[in-house]
PDB file of all heavy atoms in Angstrom:
ATOM      1  N   TRP A   1     -10.827  -3.309  16.035  1.00  0.00           N
ATOM      2  CA  TRP A   1      -9.382  -3.277  15.989  1.00  0.00           C
ATOM      3  C   TRP A   1      -8.844  -2.010  16.626  1.00  0.00           C
ATOM      4  O   TRP A   1      -9.492  -0.968  16.603  1.00  0.00           O
ATOM      5  CB  TRP A   1      -8.887  -3.343  14.539  1.00  0.00           C
ATOM      6  CG  TRP A   1      -9.610  -4.326  13.668  1.00  0.00           C
ATOM      7  CD1 TRP A   1     -10.474  -4.049  12.644  1.00  0.00           C
ATOM      8  CD2 TRP A   1      -9.544  -5.750  13.733  1.00  0.00           C
ATOM      9  NE1 TRP A   1     -10.935  -5.193  12.073  1.00  0.00           N
ATOM     10  CE2 TRP A   1     -10.398  -6.270  12.717  1.00  0.00           C
ATOM     11  CE3 TRP A   1      -8.864  -6.671  14.551  1.00  0.00           C
ATOM     12  CZ2 TRP A   1     -10.572  -7.633  12.500  1.00  0.00           C
ATOM     13  CZ3 TRP A   1      -9.044  -8.017  14.323  1.00  0.00           C
ATOM     14  CH2 TRP A   1      -9.885  -8.509  13.322  1.00  0.00           C
ATOM     15  N   GLY A   2      -7.669  -2.077  17.184  1.00  0.00           N
ATOM     16  CA  GLY A   2      -7.049  -0.917  17.786  1.00  0.00           C
ATOM     17  C   GLY A   2      -5.790  -1.269  18.549  1.00  0.00           C
ATOM     18  O   GLY A   2      -5.166  -2.318  18.309  1.00  0.00           O
ATOM     19  N   GLN A   3      -5.406  -0.411  19.498  1.00  0.00           N
ATOM     20  CA  GLN A   3      -4.203  -0.623  20.295  1.00  0.00           C
ATOM     21  C   GLN A   3      -4.236  -1.978  20.984  1.00  0.00           C
ATOM     22  O   GLN A   3      -5.228  -2.335  21.636  1.00  0.00           O
ATOM     23  CB  GLN A   3      -4.068   0.519  21.313  1.00  0.00           C
ATOM     24  CG  GLN A   3      -2.707   0.634  21.943  1.00  0.00           C
ATOM     25  CD  GLN A   3      -1.719   1.317  21.019  1.00  0.00           C
ATOM     26  OE1 GLN A   3      -2.059   1.791  19.960  1.00  0.00           O
ATOM     27  NE2 GLN A   3      -0.476   1.369  21.437  1.00  0.00           N
ATOM     28  N   ALA A   4      -3.178  -2.766  20.832  1.00  0.00           N
ATOM     29  CA  ALA A   4      -3.038  -4.089  21.448  1.00  0.00           C
ATOM     30  C   ALA A   4      -4.011  -5.130  20.905  1.00  0.00           C
ATOM     31  O   ALA A   4      -4.001  -6.284  21.347  1.00  0.00           O
ATOM     32  CB  ALA A   4      -3.154  -4.009  22.979  1.00  0.00           C
ATOM     33  N   TYR A   5      -4.825  -4.767  19.937  1.00  0.00           N
ATOM     34  CA  TYR A   5      -5.652  -5.710  19.187  1.00  0.00           C
ATOM     35  C   TYR A   5      -5.638  -5.199  17.735  1.00  0.00           C
ATOM     36  O   TYR A   5      -6.628  -4.701  17.227  1.00  0.00           O
ATOM     37  CB  TYR A   5      -7.085  -5.769  19.741  1.00  0.00           C
ATOM     38  CG  TYR A   5      -7.800  -7.069  19.433  1.00  0.00           C
ATOM     39  CD1 TYR A   5      -7.629  -8.184  20.233  1.00  0.00           C
ATOM     40  CD2 TYR A   5      -8.643  -7.171  18.333  1.00  0.00           C
ATOM     41  CE1 TYR A   5      -8.276  -9.373  19.961  1.00  0.00           C
ATOM     42  CE2 TYR A   5      -9.307  -8.352  18.040  1.00  0.00           C
ATOM     43  CZ  TYR A   5      -9.114  -9.445  18.869  1.00  0.00           C
ATOM     44  OH  TYR A   5      -9.765 -10.632  18.596  1.00  0.00           O
ATOM     45  N   PRO A   6      -4.474  -5.336  17.107  1.00  0.00           N
ATOM     46  CA  PRO A   6      -4.197  -4.529  15.913  1.00  0.00           C
ATOM     47  C   PRO A   6      -5.024  -4.888  14.706  1.00  0.00           C
ATOM     48  O   PRO A   6      -5.401  -6.036  14.489  1.00  0.00           O
ATOM     49  CB  PRO A   6      -2.709  -4.783  15.643  1.00  0.00           C
ATOM     50  CG  PRO A   6      -2.403  -6.075  16.332  1.00  0.00           C
ATOM     51  CD  PRO A   6      -3.306  -6.119  17.532  1.00  0.00           C
ATOM     52  N   GLU A   7      -5.293  -3.839  13.929  1.00  0.00           N
ATOM     53  CA  GLU A   7      -5.981  -4.010  12.660  1.00  0.00           C
ATOM     54  C   GLU A   7      -5.167  -4.953  11.768  1.00  0.00           C
ATOM     55  O   GLU A   7      -3.943  -4.891  11.739  1.00  0.00           O
ATOM     56  CB  GLU A   7      -6.129  -2.654  11.993  1.00  0.00           C
ATOM     57  CG  GLU A   7      -6.995  -2.637  10.763  1.00  0.00           C
ATOM     58  CD  GLU A   7      -7.190  -1.241  10.194  1.00  0.00           C
ATOM     59  OE1 GLU A   7      -6.666  -0.272  10.795  1.00  0.00           O
ATOM     60  OE2 GLU A   7      -7.858  -1.114   9.161  1.00  0.00           O
ATOM     61  N   PRO A   8      -5.814  -5.848  11.034  1.00  0.00           N
ATOM     62  CA  PRO A   8      -5.104  -6.799  10.196  1.00  0.00           C
ATOM     63  C   PRO A   8      -4.150  -6.129   9.201  1.00  0.00           C
ATOM     64  O   PRO A   8      -4.490  -5.149   8.565  1.00  0.00           O
ATOM     65  CB  PRO A   8      -6.224  -7.543   9.470  1.00  0.00           C
ATOM     66  CG  PRO A   8      -7.390  -7.453  10.415  1.00  0.00           C
ATOM     67  CD  PRO A   8      -7.263  -6.096  11.054  1.00  0.00           C
ATOM     68  N   LEU A   9      -2.969  -6.661   9.110  1.00  0.00           N
ATOM     69  CA  LEU A   9      -1.920  -6.174   8.234  1.00  0.00           C
ATOM     70  C   LEU A   9      -1.330  -7.353   7.497  1.00  0.00           C
ATOM     71  O   LEU A   9      -1.014  -8.377   8.113  1.00  0.00           O
ATOM     72  CB  LEU A   9      -0.823  -5.459   9.032  1.00  0.00           C
ATOM     73  CG  LEU A   9       0.305  -4.800   8.273  1.00  0.00           C
ATOM     74  CD1 LEU A   9      -0.208  -3.531   7.590  1.00  0.00           C
ATOM     75  CD2 LEU A   9       1.463  -4.456   9.223  1.00  0.00           C
ATOM     76  N   PHE A  10      -1.189  -7.233   6.198  1.00  0.00           N
ATOM     77  CA  PHE A  10      -0.680  -8.342   5.375  1.00  0.00           C
ATOM     78  C   PHE A  10       0.574  -7.907   4.642  1.00  0.00           C
ATOM     79  O   PHE A  10       0.932  -6.737   4.615  1.00  0.00           O
ATOM     80  CB  PHE A  10      -1.764  -8.765   4.362  1.00  0.00           C
ATOM     81  CG  PHE A  10      -3.074  -9.063   5.005  1.00  0.00           C
ATOM     82  CD1 PHE A  10      -4.091  -8.099   5.015  1.00  0.00           C
ATOM     83  CD2 PHE A  10      -3.337 -10.280   5.617  1.00  0.00           C
ATOM     84  CE1 PHE A  10      -5.323  -8.356   5.623  1.00  0.00           C
ATOM     85  CE2 PHE A  10      -4.541 -10.554   6.232  1.00  0.00           C
ATOM     86  CZ  PHE A  10      -5.557  -9.583   6.242  1.00  0.00           C
ATOM     87  N   ASP A  11       1.302  -8.879   4.090  1.00  0.00           N
ATOM     88  CA  ASP A  11       2.477  -8.547   3.311  1.00  0.00           C
ATOM     89  C   ASP A  11       2.568  -9.454   2.103  1.00  0.00           C
ATOM     90  O   ASP A  11       1.937 -10.509   2.047  1.00  0.00           O
ATOM     91  CB  ASP A  11       3.748  -8.672   4.182  1.00  0.00           C
ATOM     92  CG  ASP A  11       4.140 -10.094   4.465  1.00  0.00           C
ATOM     93  OD1 ASP A  11       3.610 -10.692   5.448  1.00  0.00           O
ATOM     94  OD2 ASP A  11       4.959 -10.661   3.717  1.00  0.00           O
ATOM     95  N   GLY A  12       3.352  -9.007   1.123  1.00  0.00           N
ATOM     96  CA  GLY A  12       3.537  -9.791  -0.083  1.00  0.00           C
ATOM     97  C   GLY A  12       4.378  -9.018  -1.096  1.00  0.00           C
ATOM     98  O   GLY A  12       4.659  -7.839  -0.915  1.00  0.00           O
ATOM     99  N   GLU A  13       4.809  -9.728  -2.141  1.00  0.00           N
ATOM    100  CA  GLU A  13       5.564  -9.116  -3.238  1.00  0.00           C
ATOM    101  C   GLU A  13       4.685  -8.914  -4.419  1.00  0.00           C
ATOM    102  O   GLU A  13       3.861  -9.766  -4.780  1.00  0.00           O
ATOM    103  CB  GLU A  13       6.770 -10.004  -3.570  1.00  0.00           C
ATOM    104  CG  GLU A  13       7.796 -10.081  -2.458  1.00  0.00           C
ATOM    105  CD  GLU A  13       9.106 -10.704  -2.911  1.00  0.00           C
ATOM    106  OE1 GLU A  13       9.218 -11.078  -4.116  1.00  0.00           O
ATOM    107  OE2 GLU A  13      10.030 -10.812  -2.081  1.00  0.00           O
ATOM    108  N   PHE A  14       4.867  -7.760  -5.082  1.00  0.00           N
ATOM    109  CA  PHE A  14       4.046  -7.381  -6.218  1.00  0.00           C
ATOM    110  C   PHE A  14       4.896  -6.736  -7.307  1.00  0.00           C
ATOM    111  O   PHE A  14       5.915  -6.142  -7.036  1.00  0.00           O
ATOM    112  CB  PHE A  14       2.963  -6.360  -5.776  1.00  0.00           C
ATOM    113  CG  PHE A  14       2.047  -6.865  -4.729  1.00  0.00           C
ATOM    114  CD1 PHE A  14       2.382  -6.769  -3.354  1.00  0.00           C
ATOM    115  CD2 PHE A  14       0.824  -7.446  -5.041  1.00  0.00           C
ATOM    116  CE1 PHE A  14       1.539  -7.220  -2.378  1.00  0.00           C
ATOM    117  CE2 PHE A  14      -0.024  -7.910  -4.078  1.00  0.00           C
ATOM    118  CZ  PHE A  14       0.334  -7.806  -2.731  1.00  0.00           C
ATOM    119  N   VAL A  15       4.409  -6.851  -8.539  1.00  0.00           N
ATOM    120  CA  VAL A  15       5.011  -6.176  -9.662  1.00  0.00           C
ATOM    121  C   VAL A  15       4.435  -4.750  -9.736  1.00  0.00           C
ATOM    122  O   VAL A  15       3.243  -4.573  -9.565  1.00  0.00           O
ATOM    123  CB  VAL A  15       4.712  -6.894 -10.998  1.00  0.00           C
ATOM    124  CG1 VAL A  15       5.288  -6.127 -12.175  1.00  0.00           C
ATOM    125  CG2 VAL A  15       5.285  -8.315 -10.955  1.00  0.00           C
ATOM    126  N   VAL A  16       5.315  -3.771  -9.920  1.00  0.00           N
ATOM    127  CA  VAL A  16       4.858  -2.383 -10.079  1.00  0.00           C
ATOM    128  C   VAL A  16       4.510  -2.157 -11.543  1.00  0.00           C
ATOM    129  O   VAL A  16       5.397  -2.079 -12.405  1.00  0.00           O
ATOM    130  CB  VAL A  16       5.929  -1.398  -9.586  1.00  0.00           C
ATOM    131  CG1 VAL A  16       5.466   0.026  -9.808  1.00  0.00           C
ATOM    132  CG2 VAL A  16       6.263  -1.648  -8.134  1.00  0.00           C
ATOM    133  N   LEU A  17       3.219  -2.030 -11.817  1.00  0.00           N
ATOM    134  CA  LEU A  17       2.754  -1.820 -13.187  1.00  0.00           C
ATOM    135  C   LEU A  17       2.665  -0.347 -13.547  1.00  0.00           C
ATOM    136  O   LEU A  17       2.680   0.014 -14.730  1.00  0.00           O
ATOM    137  CB  LEU A  17       1.386  -2.491 -13.384  1.00  0.00           C
ATOM    138  CG  LEU A  17       1.316  -3.987 -13.085  1.00  0.00           C
ATOM    139  CD1 LEU A  17      -0.109  -4.489 -13.187  1.00  0.00           C
ATOM    140  CD2 LEU A  17       2.214  -4.765 -14.055  1.00  0.00           C
ATOM    141  N   GLY A  18       2.554   0.502 -12.538  1.00  0.00           N
ATOM    142  CA  GLY A  18       2.482   1.943 -12.759  1.00  0.00           C
ATOM    143  C   GLY A  18       2.444   2.683 -11.433  1.00  0.00           C
ATOM    144  O   GLY A  18       2.180   2.103 -10.386  1.00  0.00           O
ATOM    145  N   TRP A  19       2.777   3.968 -11.512  1.00  0.00           N
ATOM    146  CA  TRP A  19       2.748   4.764 -10.288  1.00  0.00           C
ATOM    147  C   TRP A  19       2.641   6.252 -10.640  1.00  0.00           C
ATOM    148  O   TRP A  19       2.970   6.667 -11.750  1.00  0.00           O
ATOM    149  CB  TRP A  19       4.020   4.553  -9.438  1.00  0.00           C
ATOM    150  CG  TRP A  19       5.305   4.937 -10.116  1.00  0.00           C
ATOM    151  CD1 TRP A  19       6.062   4.155 -10.946  1.00  0.00           C
ATOM    152  CD2 TRP A  19       5.962   6.213 -10.041  1.00  0.00           C
ATOM    153  NE1 TRP A  19       7.178   4.867 -11.401  1.00  0.00           N
ATOM    154  CE2 TRP A  19       7.126   6.121 -10.841  1.00  0.00           C
ATOM    155  CE3 TRP A  19       5.701   7.397  -9.376  1.00  0.00           C
ATOM    156  CZ2 TRP A  19       8.008   7.187 -10.987  1.00  0.00           C
ATOM    157  CZ3 TRP A  19       6.581   8.451  -9.507  1.00  0.00           C
ATOM    158  CH2 TRP A  19       7.733   8.341 -10.307  1.00  0.00           C
ATOM    159  N   ARG A  20       2.136   7.024  -9.691  1.00  0.00           N
ATOM    160  CA  ARG A  20       2.082   8.474  -9.854  1.00  0.00           C
ATOM    161  C   ARG A  20       2.031   9.134  -8.469  1.00  0.00           C
ATOM    162  O   ARG A  20       1.646   8.479  -7.487  1.00  0.00           O
ATOM    163  CB  ARG A  20       0.866   8.907 -10.674  1.00  0.00           C
ATOM    164  CG  ARG A  20      -0.477   8.495 -10.112  1.00  0.00           C
ATOM    165  CD  ARG A  20      -1.605   8.818 -11.091  1.00  0.00           C
ATOM    166  NE  ARG A  20      -2.893   8.301 -10.645  1.00  0.00           N
ATOM    167  CZ  ARG A  20      -3.734   8.977  -9.885  1.00  0.00           C
ATOM    168  NH1 ARG A  20      -3.435  10.224  -9.461  1.00  0.00           N
ATOM    169  NH2 ARG A  20      -4.909   8.468  -9.502  1.00  0.00           N
ATOM    170  N   ILE A  21       2.444  10.392  -8.425  1.00  0.00           N
ATOM    171  CA  ILE A  21       2.444  11.161  -7.183  1.00  0.00           C
ATOM    172  C   ILE A  21       1.080  11.796  -7.015  1.00  0.00           C
ATOM    173  O   ILE A  21       0.522  12.367  -7.954  1.00  0.00           O
ATOM    174  CB  ILE A  21       3.549  12.229  -7.196  1.00  0.00           C
ATOM    175  CG1 ILE A  21       4.904  11.589  -7.433  1.00  0.00           C
ATOM    176  CG2 ILE A  21       3.556  13.032  -5.884  1.00  0.00           C
ATOM    177  CD1 ILE A  21       6.014  12.590  -7.783  1.00  0.00           C
ATOM    178  N   VAL A  22       0.529  11.698  -5.786  1.00  0.00           N
ATOM    179  CA  VAL A  22      -0.762  12.321  -5.445  1.00  0.00           C
ATOM    180  C   VAL A  22      -0.476  13.363  -4.378  1.00  0.00           C
ATOM    181  O   VAL A  22       0.087  13.045  -3.310  1.00  0.00           O
ATOM    182  CB  VAL A  22      -1.769  11.287  -4.949  1.00  0.00           C
ATOM    183  CG1 VAL A  22      -3.077  11.974  -4.568  1.00  0.00           C
ATOM    184  CG2 VAL A  22      -1.987  10.201  -5.999  1.00  0.00           C
ATOM    185  N   GLY A  23      -0.878  14.612  -4.643  1.00  0.00           N
ATOM    186  CA  GLY A  23      -0.507  15.664  -3.710  1.00  0.00           C
ATOM    187  C   GLY A  23       1.011  15.845  -3.772  1.00  0.00           C
ATOM    188  O   GLY A  23       1.631  15.709  -4.839  1.00  0.00           O
ATOM    189  N   GLU A  24       1.625  16.144  -2.642  1.00  0.00           N
ATOM    190  CA  GLU A  24       3.057  16.348  -2.628  1.00  0.00           C
ATOM    191  C   GLU A  24       3.800  15.165  -1.994  1.00  0.00           C
ATOM    192  O   GLU A  24       5.010  15.015  -2.209  1.00  0.00           O
ATOM    193  CB  GLU A  24       3.399  17.620  -1.834  1.00  0.00           C
ATOM    194  CG  GLU A  24       2.873  18.886  -2.458  1.00  0.00           C
ATOM    195  CD  GLU A  24       3.238  20.103  -1.676  1.00  0.00           C
ATOM    196  OE1 GLU A  24       3.859  19.942  -0.588  1.00  0.00           O
ATOM    197  OE2 GLU A  24       2.940  21.236  -2.106  1.00  0.00           O
ATOM    198  N   ARG A  25       3.094  14.319  -1.233  1.00  0.00           N
ATOM    199  CA  ARG A  25       3.795  13.340  -0.427  1.00  0.00           C
ATOM    200  C   ARG A  25       3.314  11.897  -0.635  1.00  0.00           C
ATOM    201  O   ARG A  25       3.898  10.983  -0.094  1.00  0.00           O
ATOM    202  CB  ARG A  25       3.626  13.681   1.068  1.00  0.00           C
ATOM    203  CG  ARG A  25       4.216  15.024   1.475  1.00  0.00           C
ATOM    204  CD  ARG A  25       3.887  15.349   2.917  1.00  0.00           C
ATOM    205  NE  ARG A  25       4.462  16.648   3.315  1.00  0.00           N
ATOM    206  CZ  ARG A  25       5.642  16.791   3.886  1.00  0.00           C
ATOM    207  NH1 ARG A  25       6.395  15.737   4.134  1.00  0.00           N
ATOM    208  NH2 ARG A  25       6.091  17.991   4.217  1.00  0.00           N
ATOM    209  N   HIS A  26       2.221  11.707  -1.383  1.00  0.00           N
ATOM    210  CA  HIS A  26       1.614  10.369  -1.449  1.00  0.00           C
ATOM    211  C   HIS A  26       1.914   9.694  -2.784  1.00  0.00           C
ATOM    212  O   HIS A  26       2.103  10.355  -3.808  1.00  0.00           O
ATOM    213  CB  HIS A  26       0.091  10.468  -1.220  1.00  0.00           C
ATOM    214  CG  HIS A  26      -0.268  11.361  -0.077  1.00  0.00           C
ATOM    215  ND1 HIS A  26       0.286  11.247   1.163  1.00  0.00           N
ATOM    216  CD2 HIS A  26      -1.147  12.411  -0.016  1.00  0.00           C
ATOM    217  CE1 HIS A  26      -0.225  12.171   1.965  1.00  0.00           C
ATOM    218  NE2 HIS A  26      -1.082  12.891   1.262  1.00  0.00           N
ATOM    219  N   LEU A  27       1.891   8.375  -2.756  1.00  0.00           N
ATOM    220  CA  LEU A  27       2.248   7.612  -3.957  1.00  0.00           C
ATOM    221  C   LEU A  27       1.112   6.657  -4.270  1.00  0.00           C
ATOM    222  O   LEU A  27       0.688   5.837  -3.457  1.00  0.00           O
ATOM    223  CB  LEU A  27       3.545   6.817  -3.677  1.00  0.00           C
ATOM    224  CG  LEU A  27       4.238   6.183  -4.888  1.00  0.00           C
ATOM    225  CD1 LEU A  27       4.698   7.252  -5.871  1.00  0.00           C
ATOM    226  CD2 LEU A  27       5.388   5.329  -4.439  1.00  0.00           C
ATOM    227  N   LYS A  28       0.568   6.811  -5.472  1.00  0.00           N
ATOM    228  CA  LYS A  28      -0.489   5.909  -5.973  1.00  0.00           C
ATOM    229  C   LYS A  28       0.184   4.868  -6.849  1.00  0.00           C
ATOM    230  O   LYS A  28       0.977   5.174  -7.718  1.00  0.00           O
ATOM    231  CB  LYS A  28      -1.487   6.729  -6.764  1.00  0.00           C
ATOM    232  CG  LYS A  28      -2.706   5.959  -7.198  1.00  0.00           C
ATOM    233  CD  LYS A  28      -3.683   5.763  -6.065  1.00  0.00           C
ATOM    234  CE  LYS A  28      -4.990   5.136  -6.537  1.00  0.00           C
ATOM    235  NZ  LYS A  28      -5.876   4.825  -5.415  1.00  0.00           N
ATOM    236  N   LEU A  29      -0.120   3.593  -6.590  1.00  0.00           N
ATOM    237  CA  LEU A  29       0.528   2.482  -7.284  1.00  0.00           C
ATOM    238  C   LEU A  29      -0.501   1.602  -7.947  1.00  0.00           C
ATOM    239  O   LEU A  29      -1.615   1.387  -7.423  1.00  0.00           O
ATOM    240  CB  LEU A  29       1.339   1.639  -6.291  1.00  0.00           C
ATOM    241  CG  LEU A  29       2.502   2.325  -5.568  1.00  0.00           C
ATOM    242  CD1 LEU A  29       2.834   1.572  -4.293  1.00  0.00           C
ATOM    243  CD2 LEU A  29       3.707   2.419  -6.467  1.00  0.00           C
ATOM    244  N   GLU A  30      -0.118   1.045  -9.103  1.00  0.00           N
ATOM    245  CA  GLU A  30      -0.851  -0.050  -9.697  1.00  0.00           C
ATOM    246  C   GLU A  30       0.043  -1.282  -9.619  1.00  0.00           C
ATOM    247  O   GLU A  30       1.170  -1.259 -10.127  1.00  0.00           O
ATOM    248  CB  GLU A  30      -1.234   0.243 -11.146  1.00  0.00           C
ATOM    249  CG  GLU A  30      -2.121  -0.862 -11.752  1.00  0.00           C
ATOM    250  CD  GLU A  30      -2.543  -0.552 -13.187  1.00  0.00           C
ATOM    251  OE1 GLU A  30      -2.112   0.464 -13.732  1.00  0.00           O
ATOM    252  OE2 GLU A  30      -3.328  -1.363 -13.735  1.00  0.00           O
ATOM    253  N   LEU A  31      -0.445  -2.316  -8.939  1.00  0.00           N
ATOM    254  CA  LEU A  31       0.385  -3.485  -8.645  1.00  0.00           C
ATOM    255  C   LEU A  31      -0.191  -4.724  -9.307  1.00  0.00           C
ATOM    256  O   LEU A  31      -1.409  -4.839  -9.497  1.00  0.00           O
ATOM    257  CB  LEU A  31       0.459  -3.709  -7.130  1.00  0.00           C
ATOM    258  CG  LEU A  31       0.968  -2.542  -6.299  1.00  0.00           C
ATOM    259  CD1 LEU A  31       0.915  -2.870  -4.802  1.00  0.00           C
ATOM    260  CD2 LEU A  31       2.410  -2.165  -6.697  1.00  0.00           C
ATOM    261  N   GLY A  32       0.709  -5.656  -9.633  1.00  0.00           N
ATOM    262  CA  GLY A  32       0.290  -6.923 -10.226  1.00  0.00           C
ATOM    263  C   GLY A  32       0.654  -8.089  -9.315  1.00  0.00           C
ATOM    264  O   GLY A  32       1.739  -8.136  -8.749  1.00  0.00           O
ATOM    265  N   ALA A  33      -0.320  -8.999  -9.162  1.00  0.00           N
ATOM    266  CA  ALA A  33      -0.105 -10.247  -8.403  1.00  0.00           C
ATOM    267  C   ALA A  33      -0.737 -11.373  -9.221  1.00  0.00           C
ATOM    268  O   ALA A  33      -1.948 -11.539  -9.174  1.00  0.00           O
ATOM    269  CB  ALA A  33      -0.685 -10.169  -7.011  1.00  0.00           C
TER     270      ALA A  33
END
């Protein structure tokens, strides 16, 4: 995978069961489907 042959990307809706900040800029999530 790479430029013009992109790495697989998916989408969907999820319930946010929990979250926390990691470092100063990142978000760790626990999701439900």
